[in-house]
Amino acid sequence: MLARPDPCGDSRLGCPAWAKPGRSQAAQFMRKKSILLLFGALFLSACSPRDFLTRRLAADLISASDPFKMPQQYVLQTGIVSNKDYISPEYATLQHHGWISATTVACSPGLAPPPCWDILLTPSGVDSVRTLVTAEETARPSFAIPVARREFVGITGISKQGNVADVDFTWKWIPLNEIGAALYSSDLRYKSTVGFRDYDDGWRIAIAQIAPRPVQTLDDALKNAEPTQ
């Protein structure tokens, strides 16, 4: 049996790179690594960031949504109101801060049973709302005051079932002015659960009830929010 010639046997000719000890294995390893990196890049390029419902994706979609970013408004009704409306915590807070005054009056038709109350803005109340609403609006029987915005706190859990999921998250109010600070505490946290659905372009917040497994829209999730323990 003939022996294979040693390519490195003649020292005068030198040893080719492929025949040097260890070089062949190193070259094969680098080729395999390059192939794996290429396949990984192709796989990642074929995936959308929405293909996987991660906590980060859910947080980004919730905090960037219009319902979540919409400022909270408090509708203040002046003039004659029923006793049921007058005893609400909001009226008590506004009166405590000296922004409104109230006197008992005869009830208008449809506001029985008595007593009824005539609500007026005090001079302090006028000063507080004049930078928030126009003079035309304050002359109306009721007007909306922007008082707070929501701030996202974090995702607390994701429960998936097929192409739908329930996402639990917490948030809090950030007052926009002194009236908002009186009505909405920034220390209180709220918890909500919103539905997500895996569409053809990836995961998105559900915009309607999905049969046979209904989920909660973001509007309903914020409306049904509960204070955390």
C-alpha atoms as a PDB file:
ATOM      1  CA  MET A   1       0.000   0.000   0.000  1.00  0.00           C
ATOM      2  CA  LEU A   2       1.434   3.325  -1.084  1.00  0.00           C
ATOM      3  CA  ALA A   3       1.767   6.014   1.558  1.00  0.00           C
ATOM      4  CA  ARG A   4       0.127   9.391   0.905  1.00  0.00           C
ATOM      5  CA  PRO A   5       2.785  12.016   0.213  1.00  0.00           C
ATOM      6  CA  ASP A   6       3.275  14.531   2.954  1.00  0.00           C
ATOM      7  CA  PRO A   7       2.582  18.015   1.512  1.00  0.00           C
ATOM      8  CA  CYS A   8       4.784  19.458   4.217  1.00  0.00           C
ATOM      9  CA  GLY A   9       7.573  16.929   3.702  1.00  0.00           C
ATOM     10  CA  ASP A  10       9.765  19.151   1.581  1.00  0.00           C
ATOM     11  CA  SER A  11      10.636  22.042   3.846  1.00  0.00           C
ATOM     12  CA  ARG A  12      12.083  23.936   0.897  1.00  0.00           C
ATOM     13  CA  LEU A  13       8.642  24.247  -0.692  1.00  0.00           C
ATOM     14  CA  GLY A  14       6.923  25.272   2.503  1.00  0.00           C
ATOM     15  CA  CYS A  15       3.609  23.937   3.842  1.00  0.00           C
ATOM     16  CA  PRO A  16       0.306  25.058   2.209  1.00  0.00           C
ATOM     17  CA  ALA A  17      -2.156  26.765   4.569  1.00  0.00           C
ATOM     18  CA  TRP A  18      -4.738  24.029   4.205  1.00  0.00           C
ATOM     19  CA  ALA A  19      -2.257  21.377   5.251  1.00  0.00           C
ATOM     20  CA  LYS A  20      -0.914  23.072   8.382  1.00  0.00           C
ATOM     21  CA  PRO A  21      -1.979  21.336  11.619  1.00  0.00           C
ATOM     22  CA  GLY A  22      -5.200  22.801  13.062  1.00  0.00           C
ATOM     23  CA  ARG A  23      -5.826  25.148  10.131  1.00  0.00           C
ATOM     24  CA  SER A  24      -8.301  22.810   8.404  1.00  0.00           C
ATOM     25  CA  GLN A  25     -10.501  22.415  11.486  1.00  0.00           C
ATOM     26  CA  ALA A  26     -10.424  26.158  12.183  1.00  0.00           C
ATOM     27  CA  ALA A  27     -11.429  26.946   8.595  1.00  0.00           C
ATOM     28  CA  GLN A  28     -14.317  24.474   8.748  1.00  0.00           C
ATOM     29  CA  PHE A  29     -15.496  25.973  12.024  1.00  0.00           C
ATOM     30  CA  MET A  30     -15.463  29.494  10.587  1.00  0.00           C
ATOM     31  CA  ARG A  31     -17.380  28.349   7.504  1.00  0.00           C
ATOM     32  CA  LYS A  32     -20.041  26.684   9.666  1.00  0.00           C
ATOM     33  CA  LYS A  33     -20.273  29.762  11.856  1.00  0.00           C
ATOM     34  CA  SER A  34     -20.734  32.002   8.819  1.00  0.00           C
ATOM     35  CA  ILE A  35     -23.496  29.747   7.482  1.00  0.00           C
ATOM     36  CA  LEU A  36     -25.310  29.746  10.817  1.00  0.00           C
ATOM     37  CA  LEU A  37     -25.069  33.535  11.053  1.00  0.00           C
ATOM     38  CA  LEU A  38     -26.446  33.843   7.527  1.00  0.00           C
ATOM     39  CA  PHE A  39     -29.408  31.585   8.304  1.00  0.00           C
ATOM     40  CA  GLY A  40     -30.033  33.499  11.546  1.00  0.00           C
ATOM     41  CA  ALA A  41     -30.051  36.810   9.704  1.00  0.00           C
ATOM     42  CA  LEU A  42     -32.461  35.447   7.093  1.00  0.00           C
ATOM     43  CA  PHE A  43     -34.761  34.115   9.831  1.00  0.00           C
ATOM     44  CA  LEU A  44     -34.798  37.406  11.720  1.00  0.00           C
ATOM     45  CA  SER A  45     -35.411  39.411   8.547  1.00  0.00           C
ATOM     46  CA  ALA A  46     -38.440  37.243   7.785  1.00  0.00           C
ATOM     47  CA  CYS A  47     -39.952  37.924  11.242  1.00  0.00           C
ATOM     48  CA  SER A  48     -41.925  41.005  12.196  1.00  0.00           C
ATOM     49  CA  PRO A  49     -41.428  42.607  15.647  1.00  0.00           C
ATOM     50  CA  ARG A  50     -45.121  41.888  16.211  1.00  0.00           C
ATOM     51  CA  ASP A  51     -44.833  38.143  15.579  1.00  0.00           C
ATOM     52  CA  PHE A  52     -44.163  37.535  19.273  1.00  0.00           C
ATOM     53  CA  LEU A  53     -46.318  39.047  22.008  1.00  0.00           C
ATOM     54  CA  THR A  54     -43.664  40.135  24.487  1.00  0.00           C
ATOM     55  CA  ARG A  55     -44.157  42.382  27.486  1.00  0.00           C
ATOM     56  CA  ARG A  56     -42.250  45.132  25.728  1.00  0.00           C
ATOM     57  CA  LEU A  57     -44.463  44.969  22.625  1.00  0.00           C
ATOM     58  CA  ALA A  58     -47.639  44.964  24.738  1.00  0.00           C
ATOM     59  CA  ALA A  59     -46.395  47.938  26.769  1.00  0.00           C
ATOM     60  CA  ASP A  60     -45.497  49.919  23.631  1.00  0.00           C
ATOM     61  CA  LEU A  61     -48.869  49.268  21.964  1.00  0.00           C
ATOM     62  CA  ILE A  62     -50.900  50.144  25.061  1.00  0.00           C
ATOM     63  CA  SER A  63     -49.025  53.334  25.975  1.00  0.00           C
ATOM     64  CA  ALA A  64     -49.074  54.581  22.354  1.00  0.00           C
ATOM     65  CA  SER A  65     -52.791  53.931  21.784  1.00  0.00           C
ATOM     66  CA  ASP A  66     -55.277  56.805  21.433  1.00  0.00           C
ATOM     67  CA  PRO A  67     -57.610  55.658  24.253  1.00  0.00           C
ATOM     68  CA  PHE A  68     -54.693  55.511  26.693  1.00  0.00           C
ATOM     69  CA  LYS A  69     -53.237  58.876  25.637  1.00  0.00           C
ATOM     70  CA  MET A  70     -56.585  60.695  25.693  1.00  0.00           C
ATOM     71  CA  PRO A  71     -56.640  63.228  28.574  1.00  0.00           C
ATOM     72  CA  GLN A  72     -59.254  62.765  31.263  1.00  0.00           C
ATOM     73  CA  GLN A  73     -61.858  65.509  31.405  1.00  0.00           C
ATOM     74  CA  TYR A  74     -64.133  66.444  34.261  1.00  0.00           C
ATOM     75  CA  VAL A  75     -67.487  67.877  33.271  1.00  0.00           C
ATOM     76  CA  LEU A  76     -68.518  70.561  35.749  1.00  0.00           C
ATOM     77  CA  GLN A  77     -72.202  71.384  35.789  1.00  0.00           C
ATOM     78  CA  THR A  78     -73.187  74.742  37.233  1.00  0.00           C
ATOM     79  CA  GLY A  79     -76.650  76.139  37.826  1.00  0.00           C
ATOM     80  CA  ILE A  80     -79.391  74.064  39.431  1.00  0.00           C
ATOM     81  CA  VAL A  81     -78.496  70.429  40.124  1.00  0.00           C
ATOM     82  CA  SER A  82     -80.231  67.642  42.017  1.00  0.00           C
ATOM     83  CA  ASN A  83     -79.236  66.635  45.511  1.00  0.00           C
ATOM     84  CA  LYS A  84     -78.010  63.306  44.119  1.00  0.00           C
ATOM     85  CA  ASP A  85     -75.458  65.100  41.932  1.00  0.00           C
ATOM     86  CA  TYR A  86     -74.528  67.630  44.576  1.00  0.00           C
ATOM     87  CA  ILE A  87     -73.479  65.033  47.158  1.00  0.00           C
ATOM     88  CA  SER A  88     -70.943  63.465  44.767  1.00  0.00           C
ATOM     89  CA  PRO A  89     -67.307  63.389  45.986  1.00  0.00           C
ATOM     90  CA  GLU A  90     -66.239  65.690  43.131  1.00  0.00           C
ATOM     91  CA  TYR A  91     -68.570  68.532  44.174  1.00  0.00           C
ATOM     92  CA  ALA A  92     -67.505  68.124  47.787  1.00  0.00           C
ATOM     93  CA  THR A  93     -63.820  68.394  46.756  1.00  0.00           C
ATOM     94  CA  LEU A  94     -64.412  71.472  44.611  1.00  0.00           C
ATOM     95  CA  GLN A  95     -66.357  73.157  47.393  1.00  0.00           C
ATOM     96  CA  HIS A  96     -63.703  72.235  49.954  1.00  0.00           C
ATOM     97  CA  HIS A  97     -61.086  74.031  47.842  1.00  0.00           C
ATOM     98  CA  GLY A  98     -63.340  77.068  47.509  1.00  0.00           C
ATOM     99  CA  TRP A  99     -63.808  76.766  43.737  1.00  0.00           C
ATOM    100  CA  ILE A 100     -67.626  76.524  43.839  1.00  0.00           C
ATOM    101  CA  SER A 101     -70.432  77.691  46.099  1.00  0.00           C
ATOM    102  CA  ALA A 102     -73.847  76.116  46.563  1.00  0.00           C
ATOM    103  CA  THR A 103     -77.177  77.392  47.880  1.00  0.00           C
ATOM    104  CA  THR A 104     -80.468  75.548  48.237  1.00  0.00           C
ATOM    105  CA  VAL A 105     -83.145  76.434  45.699  1.00  0.00           C
ATOM    106  CA  ALA A 106     -86.478  75.126  44.479  1.00  0.00           C
ATOM    107  CA  CYS A 107     -86.099  72.135  42.200  1.00  0.00           C
ATOM    108  CA  SER A 108     -86.714  72.471  38.477  1.00  0.00           C
ATOM    109  CA  PRO A 109     -89.181  70.039  36.888  1.00  0.00           C
ATOM    110  CA  GLY A 110     -87.609  66.604  36.690  1.00  0.00           C
ATOM    111  CA  LEU A 111     -85.100  67.200  39.518  1.00  0.00           C
ATOM    112  CA  ALA A 112     -87.323  66.123  42.417  1.00  0.00           C
ATOM    113  CA  PRO A 113     -87.146  65.200  45.221  1.00  0.00           C
ATOM    114  CA  PRO A 114     -85.822  68.324  46.929  1.00  0.00           C
ATOM    115  CA  PRO A 115     -83.516  69.799  47.990  1.00  0.00           C
ATOM    116  CA  CYS A 116     -81.819  71.117  44.865  1.00  0.00           C
ATOM    117  CA  TRP A 117     -78.729  73.277  44.676  1.00  0.00           C
ATOM    118  CA  ASP A 118     -77.590  76.273  42.685  1.00  0.00           C
ATOM    119  CA  ILE A 119     -73.889  75.770  41.852  1.00  0.00           C
ATOM    120  CA  LEU A 120     -71.753  78.811  41.041  1.00  0.00           C
ATOM    121  CA  LEU A 121     -68.056  79.301  40.381  1.00  0.00           C
ATOM    122  CA  THR A 122     -66.417  81.413  43.050  1.00  0.00           C
ATOM    123  CA  PRO A 123     -63.840  84.096  42.089  1.00  0.00           C
ATOM    124  CA  SER A 124     -61.157  81.585  43.027  1.00  0.00           C
ATOM    125  CA  GLY A 125     -62.838  78.995  40.831  1.00  0.00           C
ATOM    126  CA  VAL A 126     -62.987  81.420  37.899  1.00  0.00           C
ATOM    127  CA  ASP A 127     -59.260  82.113  38.295  1.00  0.00           C
ATOM    128  CA  SER A 128     -58.509  78.388  38.347  1.00  0.00           C
ATOM    129  CA  VAL A 129     -60.474  77.488  35.212  1.00  0.00           C
ATOM    130  CA  ARG A 130     -59.887  80.565  33.054  1.00  0.00           C
ATOM    131  CA  THR A 131     -56.569  79.199  31.775  1.00  0.00           C
ATOM    132  CA  LEU A 132     -58.075  75.770  31.130  1.00  0.00           C
ATOM    133  CA  VAL A 133     -61.276  76.603  29.229  1.00  0.00           C
ATOM    134  CA  THR A 134     -62.536  79.548  27.224  1.00  0.00           C
ATOM    135  CA  ALA A 135     -64.835  82.246  28.595  1.00  0.00           C
ATOM    136  CA  GLU A 136     -67.579  81.008  26.266  1.00  0.00           C
ATOM    137  CA  GLU A 137     -67.398  77.544  27.783  1.00  0.00           C
ATOM    138  CA  THR A 138     -67.570  78.746  31.395  1.00  0.00           C
ATOM    139  CA  ALA A 139     -70.766  80.650  30.515  1.00  0.00           C
ATOM    140  CA  ARG A 140     -72.501  77.372  29.626  1.00  0.00           C
ATOM    141  CA  PRO A 141     -74.423  75.263  32.170  1.00  0.00           C
ATOM    142  CA  SER A 142     -71.719  72.590  31.921  1.00  0.00           C
ATOM    143  CA  PHE A 143     -68.204  72.524  30.526  1.00  0.00           C
ATOM    144  CA  ALA A 144     -65.323  70.050  30.352  1.00  0.00           C
ATOM    145  CA  ILE A 145     -62.044  70.689  32.169  1.00  0.00           C
ATOM    146  CA  PRO A 146     -58.924  68.682  31.219  1.00  0.00           C
ATOM    147  CA  VAL A 147     -57.677  67.390  34.557  1.00  0.00           C
ATOM    148  CA  ALA A 148     -55.340  64.396  34.154  1.00  0.00           C
ATOM    149  CA  ARG A 149     -53.537  62.037  31.820  1.00  0.00           C
ATOM    150  CA  ARG A 150     -52.622  58.368  32.210  1.00  0.00           C
ATOM    151  CA  GLU A 151     -49.088  57.149  32.779  1.00  0.00           C
ATOM    152  CA  PHE A 152     -48.193  53.552  32.009  1.00  0.00           C
ATOM    153  CA  VAL A 153     -46.602  51.667  34.929  1.00  0.00           C
ATOM    154  CA  GLY A 154     -45.990  48.119  33.683  1.00  0.00           C
ATOM    155  CA  ILE A 155     -47.182  44.753  32.378  1.00  0.00           C
ATOM    156  CA  THR A 156     -48.029  42.307  35.153  1.00  0.00           C
ATOM    157  CA  GLY A 157     -48.958  39.237  33.102  1.00  0.00           C
ATOM    158  CA  ILE A 158     -49.795  37.789  29.668  1.00  0.00           C
ATOM    159  CA  SER A 159     -52.149  34.823  29.190  1.00  0.00           C
ATOM    160  CA  LYS A 160     -52.266  33.426  25.638  1.00  0.00           C
ATOM    161  CA  GLN A 161     -54.787  31.024  24.150  1.00  0.00           C
ATOM    162  CA  GLY A 162     -54.416  30.422  20.443  1.00  0.00           C
ATOM    163  CA  ASN A 163     -54.481  33.688  18.526  1.00  0.00           C
ATOM    164  CA  VAL A 164     -55.873  35.762  21.407  1.00  0.00           C
ATOM    165  CA  ALA A 165     -54.389  36.867  24.707  1.00  0.00           C
ATOM    166  CA  ASP A 166     -55.265  38.744  27.886  1.00  0.00           C
ATOM    167  CA  VAL A 167     -52.681  41.297  28.990  1.00  0.00           C
ATOM    168  CA  ASP A 168     -52.743  42.611  32.570  1.00  0.00           C
ATOM    169  CA  PHE A 169     -51.159  46.014  33.166  1.00  0.00           C
ATOM    170  CA  THR A 170     -51.054  48.823  35.718  1.00  0.00           C
ATOM    171  CA  TRP A 171     -51.209  52.584  35.264  1.00  0.00           C
ATOM    172  CA  LYS A 172     -51.777  55.782  37.221  1.00  0.00           C
ATOM    173  CA  TRP A 173     -53.142  59.301  36.820  1.00  0.00           C
ATOM    174  CA  ILE A 174     -50.872  62.315  36.369  1.00  0.00           C
ATOM    175  CA  PRO A 175     -52.757  65.567  37.232  1.00  0.00           C
ATOM    176  CA  LEU A 176     -52.510  68.348  34.643  1.00  0.00           C
ATOM    177  CA  ASN A 177     -53.413  71.212  36.982  1.00  0.00           C
ATOM    178  CA  GLU A 178     -54.518  72.032  40.535  1.00  0.00           C
ATOM    179  CA  ILE A 179     -58.092  70.903  39.886  1.00  0.00           C
ATOM    180  CA  GLY A 180     -56.780  67.593  38.545  1.00  0.00           C
ATOM    181  CA  ALA A 181     -54.518  67.221  41.578  1.00  0.00           C
ATOM    182  CA  ALA A 182     -57.538  67.665  43.853  1.00  0.00           C
ATOM    183  CA  LEU A 183     -59.651  65.105  41.971  1.00  0.00           C
ATOM    184  CA  TYR A 184     -57.066  62.493  40.896  1.00  0.00           C
ATOM    185  CA  SER A 185     -54.302  61.121  43.090  1.00  0.00           C
ATOM    186  CA  SER A 186     -50.998  60.312  41.398  1.00  0.00           C
ATOM    187  CA  ASP A 187     -50.164  57.859  44.205  1.00  0.00           C
ATOM    188  CA  LEU A 188     -52.961  55.434  43.376  1.00  0.00           C
ATOM    189  CA  ARG A 189     -52.286  52.613  40.899  1.00  0.00           C
ATOM    190  CA  TYR A 190     -54.953  50.976  38.737  1.00  0.00           C
ATOM    191  CA  LYS A 191     -55.029  47.527  37.143  1.00  0.00           C
ATOM    192  CA  SER A 192     -56.662  46.697  33.822  1.00  0.00           C
ATOM    193  CA  THR A 193     -56.907  43.708  31.484  1.00  0.00           C
ATOM    194  CA  VAL A 194     -56.997  44.238  27.725  1.00  0.00           C
ATOM    195  CA  GLY A 195     -57.375  41.737  24.903  1.00  0.00           C
ATOM    196  CA  PHE A 196     -54.838  41.203  22.122  1.00  0.00           C
ATOM    197  CA  ARG A 197     -55.260  39.319  18.870  1.00  0.00           C
ATOM    198  CA  ASP A 198     -52.722  37.822  16.457  1.00  0.00           C
ATOM    199  CA  TYR A 199     -53.597  39.248  13.018  1.00  0.00           C
ATOM    200  CA  ASP A 200     -51.904  38.556   9.683  1.00  0.00           C
ATOM    201  CA  ASP A 201     -49.423  41.379  10.398  1.00  0.00           C
ATOM    202  CA  GLY A 202     -48.780  40.343  13.997  1.00  0.00           C
ATOM    203  CA  TRP A 203     -50.190  41.032  17.458  1.00  0.00           C
ATOM    204  CA  ARG A 204     -52.421  44.061  17.981  1.00  0.00           C
ATOM    205  CA  ILE A 205     -54.834  45.342  20.628  1.00  0.00           C
ATOM    206  CA  ALA A 206     -58.256  43.828  19.981  1.00  0.00           C
ATOM    207  CA  ILE A 207     -60.766  46.365  18.700  1.00  0.00           C
ATOM    208  CA  ALA A 208     -63.910  44.268  19.142  1.00  0.00           C
ATOM    209  CA  GLN A 209     -65.276  41.299  21.032  1.00  0.00           C
ATOM    210  CA  ILE A 210     -63.931  38.059  19.572  1.00  0.00           C
ATOM    211  CA  ALA A 211     -66.132  34.960  19.599  1.00  0.00           C
ATOM    212  CA  PRO A 212     -66.012  32.285  20.915  1.00  0.00           C
ATOM    213  CA  ARG A 213     -63.579  33.782  23.445  1.00  0.00           C
ATOM    214  CA  PRO A 214     -64.542  37.417  24.030  1.00  0.00           C
ATOM    215  CA  VAL A 215     -61.810  39.769  25.177  1.00  0.00           C
ATOM    216  CA  GLN A 216     -61.903  43.284  26.576  1.00  0.00           C
ATOM    217  CA  THR A 217     -61.163  46.292  24.386  1.00  0.00           C
ATOM    218  CA  LEU A 218     -58.824  48.968  25.703  1.00  0.00           C
ATOM    219  CA  ASP A 219     -61.692  51.440  26.163  1.00  0.00           C
ATOM    220  CA  ASP A 220     -63.504  48.928  28.365  1.00  0.00           C
ATOM    221  CA  ALA A 221     -60.293  47.938  30.133  1.00  0.00           C
ATOM    222  CA  LEU A 222     -59.660  51.538  31.210  1.00  0.00           C
ATOM    223  CA  LYS A 223     -63.311  52.112  32.067  1.00  0.00           C
ATOM    224  CA  ASN A 224     -63.401  48.967  34.248  1.00  0.00           C
ATOM    225  CA  ALA A 225     -60.039  49.580  35.927  1.00  0.00           C
ATOM    226  CA  GLU A 226     -59.750  48.748  39.616  1.00  0.00           C
ATOM    227  CA  PRO A 227     -57.362  50.171  42.225  1.00  0.00           C
ATOM    228  CA  THR A 228     -54.500  47.844  43.084  1.00  0.00           C
ATOM    229  CA  GLN A 229     -54.146  46.552  46.618  1.00  0.00           C
END
